[in-house]
Amino acid sequence: MKKILIAVKKKKDCEDLPIPKYATPGSSGMDLCADVEGEVLLLPGEIKLISAGIYLSIPEGYEAQIRPRSGLALKHGITLVNTPGTIDSDYRGLLSIILINHGKNIFKIRRGDRIAQMVIGEVTKADILMTEDLDGTLRSVGGFVHTGK
């Protein structure tokens, strides 16, 4: 297992919020907590940007992927609009989460609630080669959602 160092800075007035951390030794994602005053209501079908109260410095060659929490998705229909969200290594702005309520009930977000998880991944860069022909495969001409069977 490879380990890297991610520098984290808390937003002013967020000293009470925990920094991202792994819940168990086998966890892939670190919990991100809500930086809200009091509570925020997320109505069914509504999208809101919720601050995580932190800024990150991710080393070049890595990214942070922001993903939904499975418990919130299953129990309440809460997920991310852009999942996974990508935090690039050169981004230094406030980390915020785009939540959506696909459930049938109003969802309350309270200060410090775990609202998403962050997975750190290595980035692979590709060179693009323009060509007139592509190599053939079993699915070459089958079209979208066609497996060739």
N, C-alpha and C. Protein backbone atom coordinates (compact mmCIF):
# COMPACT_ATOMS: atom_id res chain seq x y z
N MET A 1 0.85 -1.18 0.00
CA MET A 1 0.00 0.00 0.00
C MET A 1 0.89 1.24 0.00
N LYS A 2 0.61 2.13 -0.92
CA LYS A 2 1.37 3.37 -1.05
C LYS A 2 0.72 4.44 -0.17
N LYS A 3 1.53 5.25 0.50
CA LYS A 3 1.03 6.37 1.30
C LYS A 3 1.64 7.67 0.81
N ILE A 4 0.81 8.71 0.76
CA ILE A 4 1.27 10.05 0.41
C ILE A 4 0.77 11.01 1.48
N LEU A 5 1.31 12.21 1.48
CA LEU A 5 0.92 13.23 2.44
C LEU A 5 0.00 14.24 1.76
N ILE A 6 -1.17 14.45 2.34
CA ILE A 6 -2.12 15.46 1.87
C ILE A 6 -2.18 16.53 2.95
N ALA A 7 -1.82 17.76 2.59
CA ALA A 7 -1.91 18.87 3.54
C ALA A 7 -3.36 19.37 3.57
N VAL A 8 -3.88 19.60 4.78
CA VAL A 8 -5.25 20.05 4.98
C VAL A 8 -5.24 21.33 5.82
N LYS A 9 -5.99 22.32 5.36
CA LYS A 9 -6.15 23.56 6.11
C LYS A 9 -7.64 23.70 6.41
N LYS A 10 -7.97 24.02 7.66
CA LYS A 10 -9.37 24.22 8.02
C LYS A 10 -9.80 25.65 7.71
N LYS A 11 -11.03 25.78 7.27
CA LYS A 11 -11.63 27.10 7.09
C LYS A 11 -11.81 27.74 8.46
N LYS A 12 -11.75 29.07 8.51
CA LYS A 12 -11.98 29.76 9.78
C LYS A 12 -13.32 29.32 10.35
N ASP A 13 -13.40 29.21 11.64
CA ASP A 13 -14.60 28.79 12.36
C ASP A 13 -14.95 27.32 12.14
N CYS A 14 -13.99 26.53 11.68
CA CYS A 14 -14.23 25.09 11.50
C CYS A 14 -13.33 24.23 12.38
N GLU A 15 -12.78 24.83 13.43
CA GLU A 15 -11.90 24.10 14.33
C GLU A 15 -12.61 22.92 14.99
N ASP A 16 -13.94 23.02 15.13
CA ASP A 16 -14.71 21.95 15.77
C ASP A 16 -14.93 20.74 14.86
N LEU A 17 -14.72 20.89 13.57
CA LEU A 17 -14.95 19.78 12.63
C LEU A 17 -13.72 18.88 12.54
N PRO A 18 -13.94 17.56 12.46
CA PRO A 18 -12.79 16.66 12.32
C PRO A 18 -12.17 16.76 10.94
N ILE A 19 -10.87 16.50 10.86
CA ILE A 19 -10.22 16.44 9.56
C ILE A 19 -10.58 15.10 8.93
N PRO A 20 -10.44 14.99 7.61
CA PRO A 20 -10.76 13.70 6.97
C PRO A 20 -9.90 12.59 7.56
N LYS A 21 -10.53 11.45 7.79
CA LYS A 21 -9.80 10.30 8.33
C LYS A 21 -10.49 9.02 7.91
N TYR A 22 -9.70 7.94 7.92
CA TYR A 22 -10.23 6.62 7.61
C TYR A 22 -10.90 6.05 8.86
N ALA A 23 -12.09 5.50 8.71
CA ALA A 23 -12.83 4.96 9.86
C ALA A 23 -12.23 3.66 10.36
N THR A 24 -11.69 2.86 9.46
CA THR A 24 -11.09 1.57 9.84
C THR A 24 -9.79 1.39 9.06
N PRO A 25 -8.93 0.47 9.48
CA PRO A 25 -7.68 0.22 8.74
C PRO A 25 -7.92 -0.21 7.29
N GLY A 26 -9.05 -0.84 7.01
CA GLY A 26 -9.34 -1.29 5.65
C GLY A 26 -10.13 -0.31 4.80
N SER A 27 -10.47 0.85 5.35
CA SER A 27 -11.26 1.84 4.60
C SER A 27 -10.46 2.42 3.44
N SER A 28 -11.13 2.59 2.30
CA SER A 28 -10.53 3.25 1.14
C SER A 28 -10.81 4.74 1.14
N GLY A 29 -11.94 5.12 1.72
CA GLY A 29 -12.36 6.51 1.72
C GLY A 29 -12.30 7.13 3.10
N MET A 30 -12.03 8.43 3.12
CA MET A 30 -12.03 9.21 4.35
C MET A 30 -13.34 10.00 4.42
N ASP A 31 -13.94 10.03 5.60
CA ASP A 31 -15.19 10.75 5.76
C ASP A 31 -14.98 12.26 5.67
N LEU A 32 -15.93 12.93 5.02
CA LEU A 32 -15.97 14.40 4.94
C LEU A 32 -17.22 14.86 5.68
N CYS A 33 -17.05 15.91 6.48
CA CYS A 33 -18.15 16.39 7.33
C CYS A 33 -18.71 17.71 6.84
N ALA A 34 -19.97 17.94 7.19
CA ALA A 34 -20.69 19.15 6.76
C ALA A 34 -20.29 20.36 7.60
N ASP A 35 -19.94 21.42 6.91
CA ASP A 35 -19.67 22.72 7.52
C ASP A 35 -20.91 23.59 7.28
N VAL A 36 -21.91 23.40 8.13
CA VAL A 36 -23.14 24.19 8.04
C VAL A 36 -23.42 24.81 9.41
N GLU A 37 -24.16 25.88 9.43
CA GLU A 37 -24.59 26.50 10.68
C GLU A 37 -25.93 25.89 11.06
N GLY A 38 -26.01 25.34 12.25
CA GLY A 38 -27.26 24.72 12.68
C GLY A 38 -27.56 23.51 11.82
N GLU A 39 -28.67 23.58 11.09
CA GLU A 39 -29.00 22.50 10.16
C GLU A 39 -29.51 23.09 8.85
N VAL A 40 -29.28 22.35 7.79
CA VAL A 40 -29.73 22.73 6.45
C VAL A 40 -30.69 21.66 5.99
N LEU A 41 -31.82 22.07 5.43
CA LEU A 41 -32.79 21.11 4.91
C LEU A 41 -32.57 20.90 3.42
N LEU A 42 -32.55 19.64 3.03
CA LEU A 42 -32.42 19.26 1.62
C LEU A 42 -33.74 18.61 1.22
N LEU A 43 -34.54 19.34 0.44
CA LEU A 43 -35.86 18.86 0.05
C LEU A 43 -35.75 17.78 -1.01
N PRO A 44 -36.75 16.92 -1.14
CA PRO A 44 -36.73 15.91 -2.20
C PRO A 44 -36.53 16.57 -3.56
N GLY A 45 -35.58 16.07 -4.32
CA GLY A 45 -35.27 16.61 -5.65
C GLY A 45 -34.34 17.81 -5.63
N GLU A 46 -34.01 18.33 -4.46
CA GLU A 46 -33.19 19.54 -4.35
C GLU A 46 -31.69 19.21 -4.39
N ILE A 47 -30.94 20.16 -4.95
CA ILE A 47 -29.48 20.09 -5.02
C ILE A 47 -28.92 21.25 -4.22
N LYS A 48 -27.93 20.96 -3.36
CA LYS A 48 -27.27 22.03 -2.60
C LYS A 48 -25.78 21.78 -2.53
N LEU A 49 -25.04 22.89 -2.51
CA LEU A 49 -23.59 22.85 -2.33
C LEU A 49 -23.32 23.01 -0.84
N ILE A 50 -22.67 21.99 -0.26
CA ILE A 50 -22.40 21.97 1.17
C ILE A 50 -20.89 21.99 1.40
N SER A 51 -20.41 22.96 2.13
CA SER A 51 -18.99 23.07 2.44
C SER A 51 -18.54 21.93 3.34
N ALA A 52 -17.32 21.43 3.08
CA ALA A 52 -16.69 20.47 3.98
C ALA A 52 -15.75 21.18 4.95
N GLY A 53 -15.59 22.50 4.79
CA GLY A 53 -14.82 23.30 5.74
C GLY A 53 -13.31 23.14 5.67
N ILE A 54 -12.81 22.59 4.57
CA ILE A 54 -11.36 22.37 4.45
C ILE A 54 -10.85 22.75 3.06
N TYR A 55 -9.55 22.97 3.02
CA TYR A 55 -8.80 23.19 1.78
C TYR A 55 -7.74 22.10 1.73
N LEU A 56 -7.41 21.63 0.53
CA LEU A 56 -6.45 20.54 0.37
C LEU A 56 -5.27 20.96 -0.49
N SER A 57 -4.14 20.34 -0.23
CA SER A 57 -2.98 20.43 -1.11
C SER A 57 -2.62 18.99 -1.48
N ILE A 58 -3.02 18.61 -2.68
CA ILE A 58 -2.82 17.24 -3.16
C ILE A 58 -1.57 17.24 -4.04
N PRO A 59 -0.65 16.31 -3.80
CA PRO A 59 0.57 16.28 -4.62
C PRO A 59 0.26 16.03 -6.11
N GLU A 60 1.09 16.62 -6.97
CA GLU A 60 0.95 16.39 -8.41
C GLU A 60 1.05 14.90 -8.69
N GLY A 61 0.21 14.43 -9.60
CA GLY A 61 0.16 13.01 -9.92
C GLY A 61 -0.93 12.27 -9.17
N TYR A 62 -1.68 13.01 -8.32
CA TYR A 62 -2.77 12.41 -7.56
C TYR A 62 -4.02 13.26 -7.68
N GLU A 63 -5.14 12.70 -7.32
CA GLU A 63 -6.42 13.39 -7.28
C GLU A 63 -7.18 12.91 -6.06
N ALA A 64 -8.19 13.66 -5.66
CA ALA A 64 -9.14 13.20 -4.65
C ALA A 64 -10.46 12.99 -5.37
N GLN A 65 -11.03 11.81 -5.19
CA GLN A 65 -12.36 11.53 -5.73
C GLN A 65 -13.36 11.64 -4.58
N ILE A 66 -14.41 12.40 -4.79
CA ILE A 66 -15.44 12.59 -3.78
C ILE A 66 -16.63 11.70 -4.16
N ARG A 67 -16.99 10.84 -3.23
CA ARG A 67 -18.00 9.82 -3.51
C ARG A 67 -19.11 9.86 -2.47
N PRO A 68 -20.29 9.33 -2.84
CA PRO A 68 -21.38 9.26 -1.87
C PRO A 68 -21.08 8.28 -0.74
N ARG A 69 -21.78 8.43 0.35
CA ARG A 69 -21.73 7.46 1.45
C ARG A 69 -22.88 6.49 1.22
N SER A 70 -22.59 5.20 1.23
CA SER A 70 -23.60 4.20 0.89
C SER A 70 -24.78 4.20 1.87
N GLY A 71 -24.51 4.45 3.13
CA GLY A 71 -25.60 4.49 4.11
C GLY A 71 -26.60 5.60 3.84
N LEU A 72 -26.10 6.79 3.48
CA LEU A 72 -27.00 7.90 3.15
C LEU A 72 -27.79 7.61 1.88
N ALA A 73 -27.14 6.96 0.92
CA ALA A 73 -27.83 6.62 -0.33
C ALA A 73 -28.94 5.61 -0.08
N LEU A 74 -28.63 4.56 0.66
CA LEU A 74 -29.61 3.50 0.91
C LEU A 74 -30.76 3.97 1.80
N LYS A 75 -30.45 4.64 2.90
CA LYS A 75 -31.47 4.99 3.87
C LYS A 75 -32.27 6.24 3.51
N HIS A 76 -31.63 7.18 2.80
CA HIS A 76 -32.28 8.47 2.57
C HIS A 76 -32.32 8.92 1.10
N GLY A 77 -31.65 8.20 0.20
CA GLY A 77 -31.61 8.63 -1.20
C GLY A 77 -30.69 9.81 -1.43
N ILE A 78 -29.73 10.03 -0.54
CA ILE A 78 -28.80 11.17 -0.65
C ILE A 78 -27.55 10.71 -1.40
N THR A 79 -27.21 11.44 -2.44
CA THR A 79 -26.02 11.11 -3.22
C THR A 79 -25.40 12.39 -3.75
N LEU A 80 -24.39 12.24 -4.59
CA LEU A 80 -23.73 13.39 -5.21
C LEU A 80 -24.18 13.51 -6.65
N VAL A 81 -24.35 14.75 -7.10
CA VAL A 81 -24.77 14.99 -8.47
C VAL A 81 -23.66 14.57 -9.43
N ASN A 82 -22.43 14.91 -9.12
CA ASN A 82 -21.29 14.58 -9.98
C ASN A 82 -20.42 13.55 -9.28
N THR A 83 -20.82 12.30 -9.38
CA THR A 83 -20.07 11.29 -8.66
C THR A 83 -19.31 10.39 -9.61
N PRO A 84 -18.03 10.13 -9.41
CA PRO A 84 -17.28 10.80 -8.37
C PRO A 84 -16.87 12.22 -8.79
N GLY A 85 -16.88 13.12 -7.84
CA GLY A 85 -16.34 14.45 -8.08
C GLY A 85 -14.82 14.37 -8.03
N THR A 86 -14.16 15.17 -8.83
CA THR A 86 -12.70 15.14 -8.87
C THR A 86 -12.12 16.43 -8.32
N ILE A 87 -11.17 16.30 -7.39
CA ILE A 87 -10.41 17.43 -6.89
C ILE A 87 -9.01 17.28 -7.46
N ASP A 88 -8.64 18.18 -8.36
CA ASP A 88 -7.33 18.13 -9.02
C ASP A 88 -6.22 18.58 -8.08
N SER A 89 -4.99 18.16 -8.40
CA SER A 89 -3.85 18.49 -7.54
C SER A 89 -3.55 19.98 -7.50
N ASP A 90 -3.99 20.74 -8.48
CA ASP A 90 -3.70 22.18 -8.47
C ASP A 90 -4.87 23.03 -7.95
N TYR A 91 -5.93 22.40 -7.44
CA TYR A 91 -7.06 23.13 -6.87
C TYR A 91 -6.78 23.44 -5.41
N ARG A 92 -6.96 24.68 -5.01
CA ARG A 92 -6.72 25.07 -3.62
C ARG A 92 -7.93 25.75 -2.98
N GLY A 93 -9.08 25.68 -3.65
CA GLY A 93 -10.28 26.31 -3.11
C GLY A 93 -10.95 25.46 -2.04
N LEU A 94 -12.00 26.02 -1.48
CA LEU A 94 -12.77 25.34 -0.45
C LEU A 94 -13.39 24.06 -1.01
N LEU A 95 -13.22 22.96 -0.30
CA LEU A 95 -13.81 21.69 -0.71
C LEU A 95 -15.29 21.72 -0.35
N SER A 96 -16.13 21.59 -1.36
CA SER A 96 -17.58 21.58 -1.15
C SER A 96 -18.18 20.40 -1.89
N ILE A 97 -19.30 19.92 -1.39
CA ILE A 97 -19.94 18.71 -1.88
C ILE A 97 -21.29 19.08 -2.50
N ILE A 98 -21.55 18.59 -3.73
CA ILE A 98 -22.82 18.85 -4.39
C ILE A 98 -23.76 17.68 -4.08
N LEU A 99 -24.63 17.88 -3.10
CA LEU A 99 -25.56 16.83 -2.67
C LEU A 99 -26.91 16.97 -3.38
N ILE A 100 -27.56 15.83 -3.59
CA ILE A 100 -28.93 15.80 -4.12
C ILE A 100 -29.74 14.82 -3.29
N ASN A 101 -31.00 15.16 -3.10
CA ASN A 101 -31.92 14.31 -2.36
C ASN A 101 -32.83 13.59 -3.35
N HIS A 102 -32.54 12.31 -3.60
CA HIS A 102 -33.40 11.49 -4.46
C HIS A 102 -34.48 10.79 -3.64
N GLY A 103 -34.50 11.02 -2.34
CA GLY A 103 -35.47 10.38 -1.46
C GLY A 103 -36.83 11.07 -1.51
N LYS A 104 -37.75 10.55 -0.71
CA LYS A 104 -39.11 11.08 -0.67
C LYS A 104 -39.33 12.04 0.50
N ASN A 105 -38.33 12.10 1.40
CA ASN A 105 -38.48 12.92 2.60
C ASN A 105 -37.43 14.03 2.65
N ILE A 106 -37.71 15.06 3.41
CA ILE A 106 -36.74 16.13 3.67
C ILE A 106 -35.58 15.51 4.44
N PHE A 107 -34.36 15.87 4.07
CA PHE A 107 -33.17 15.36 4.75
C PHE A 107 -32.49 16.51 5.47
N LYS A 108 -32.22 16.32 6.76
CA LYS A 108 -31.56 17.35 7.56
C LYS A 108 -30.06 17.11 7.59
N ILE A 109 -29.31 18.15 7.24
CA ILE A 109 -27.85 18.11 7.31
C ILE A 109 -27.45 18.97 8.51
N ARG A 110 -26.78 18.35 9.47
CA ARG A 110 -26.34 19.05 10.66
C ARG A 110 -24.83 19.24 10.63
N ARG A 111 -24.37 20.23 11.34
CA ARG A 111 -22.94 20.50 11.43
C ARG A 111 -22.20 19.25 11.90
N GLY A 112 -21.17 18.87 11.16
CA GLY A 112 -20.36 17.72 11.51
C GLY A 112 -20.86 16.40 10.98
N ASP A 113 -22.04 16.37 10.36
CA ASP A 113 -22.54 15.12 9.77
C ASP A 113 -21.58 14.65 8.68
N ARG A 114 -21.37 13.35 8.61
CA ARG A 114 -20.55 12.77 7.54
C ARG A 114 -21.42 12.72 6.28
N ILE A 115 -21.03 13.49 5.25
CA ILE A 115 -21.89 13.65 4.08
C ILE A 115 -21.31 13.03 2.81
N ALA A 116 -20.03 12.70 2.81
CA ALA A 116 -19.40 12.12 1.62
C ALA A 116 -18.11 11.46 2.05
N GLN A 117 -17.46 10.81 1.11
CA GLN A 117 -16.15 10.24 1.39
C GLN A 117 -15.18 10.63 0.30
N MET A 118 -13.91 10.68 0.66
CA MET A 118 -12.85 11.10 -0.25
C MET A 118 -11.86 9.95 -0.41
N VAL A 119 -11.63 9.58 -1.67
CA VAL A 119 -10.67 8.54 -2.00
C VAL A 119 -9.53 9.18 -2.78
N ILE A 120 -8.30 8.92 -2.39
CA ILE A 120 -7.13 9.47 -3.08
C ILE A 120 -6.66 8.46 -4.12
N GLY A 121 -6.43 8.93 -5.33
CA GLY A 121 -6.00 8.03 -6.40
C GLY A 121 -4.87 8.62 -7.22
N GLU A 122 -4.10 7.72 -7.80
CA GLU A 122 -3.04 8.14 -8.71
C GLU A 122 -3.65 8.50 -10.05
N VAL A 123 -3.07 9.48 -10.72
CA VAL A 123 -3.57 9.93 -12.02
C VAL A 123 -2.67 9.39 -13.13
N THR A 124 -3.29 8.87 -14.17
CA THR A 124 -2.57 8.46 -15.37
C THR A 124 -2.90 9.46 -16.46
N LYS A 125 -1.89 10.01 -17.10
CA LYS A 125 -2.09 10.96 -18.20
C LYS A 125 -1.94 10.22 -19.52
N ALA A 126 -2.72 10.61 -20.50
CA ALA A 126 -2.70 9.97 -21.81
C ALA A 126 -2.27 10.95 -22.89
N ASP A 127 -1.53 10.48 -23.85
CA ASP A 127 -1.26 11.23 -25.07
C ASP A 127 -2.33 10.82 -26.08
N ILE A 128 -2.83 11.77 -26.85
CA ILE A 128 -3.88 11.51 -27.82
C ILE A 128 -3.26 11.41 -29.21
N LEU A 129 -3.62 10.36 -29.93
CA LEU A 129 -3.13 10.13 -31.29
C LEU A 129 -4.33 10.14 -32.22
N MET A 130 -4.37 11.11 -33.13
CA MET A 130 -5.44 11.16 -34.12
C MET A 130 -5.14 10.12 -35.20
N THR A 131 -6.20 9.40 -35.62
CA THR A 131 -6.03 8.37 -36.63
C THR A 131 -7.29 8.26 -37.47
N GLU A 132 -7.18 7.65 -38.63
CA GLU A 132 -8.33 7.41 -39.50
C GLU A 132 -8.98 6.07 -39.18
N ASP A 133 -8.22 5.14 -38.58
CA ASP A 133 -8.72 3.80 -38.29
C ASP A 133 -8.38 3.40 -36.86
N LEU A 134 -9.29 2.66 -36.25
CA LEU A 134 -9.06 2.12 -34.91
C LEU A 134 -8.91 0.61 -35.01
N ASP A 135 -8.24 0.03 -34.03
CA ASP A 135 -8.10 -1.43 -34.02
C ASP A 135 -9.47 -2.06 -33.79
N GLY A 136 -9.70 -3.24 -34.35
CA GLY A 136 -10.97 -3.92 -34.26
C GLY A 136 -11.12 -4.71 -32.97
N THR A 137 -12.36 -4.85 -32.50
CA THR A 137 -12.67 -5.66 -31.33
C THR A 137 -13.98 -6.40 -31.60
N LEU A 138 -14.36 -7.26 -30.71
CA LEU A 138 -15.62 -7.99 -30.82
C LEU A 138 -16.81 -7.04 -30.87
N ARG A 139 -16.71 -5.90 -30.18
CA ARG A 139 -17.81 -4.94 -30.11
C ARG A 139 -17.67 -3.79 -31.09
N SER A 140 -16.74 -3.86 -32.00
CA SER A 140 -16.40 -2.73 -32.87
C SER A 140 -17.59 -2.00 -33.46
N VAL A 141 -18.51 -2.69 -34.06
CA VAL A 141 -19.59 -2.03 -34.79
C VAL A 141 -20.96 -2.22 -34.14
N GLY A 142 -20.99 -2.76 -32.94
CA GLY A 142 -22.27 -3.09 -32.28
C GLY A 142 -23.04 -1.88 -31.80
N GLY A 143 -22.38 -0.79 -31.56
CA GLY A 143 -23.06 0.40 -31.09
C GLY A 143 -23.13 0.49 -29.58
N PHE A 144 -23.73 1.55 -29.13
CA PHE A 144 -23.85 1.84 -27.70
C PHE A 144 -24.61 0.73 -26.99
N VAL A 145 -24.18 0.32 -25.82
CA VAL A 145 -24.72 -0.74 -24.97
C VAL A 145 -24.82 -2.09 -25.67
N HIS A 146 -23.98 -2.33 -26.64
CA HIS A 146 -24.00 -3.60 -27.36
C HIS A 146 -22.74 -4.38 -27.00
N THR A 147 -22.91 -5.62 -26.55
CA THR A 147 -21.76 -6.44 -26.15
C THR A 147 -21.31 -7.40 -27.23
N GLY A 148 -21.99 -7.40 -28.37
CA GLY A 148 -21.59 -8.29 -29.46
C GLY A 148 -22.18 -9.69 -29.32
N LYS A 149 -23.05 -9.90 -28.35
CA LYS A 149 -23.64 -11.24 -28.16
C LYS A 149 -25.05 -11.27 -28.64
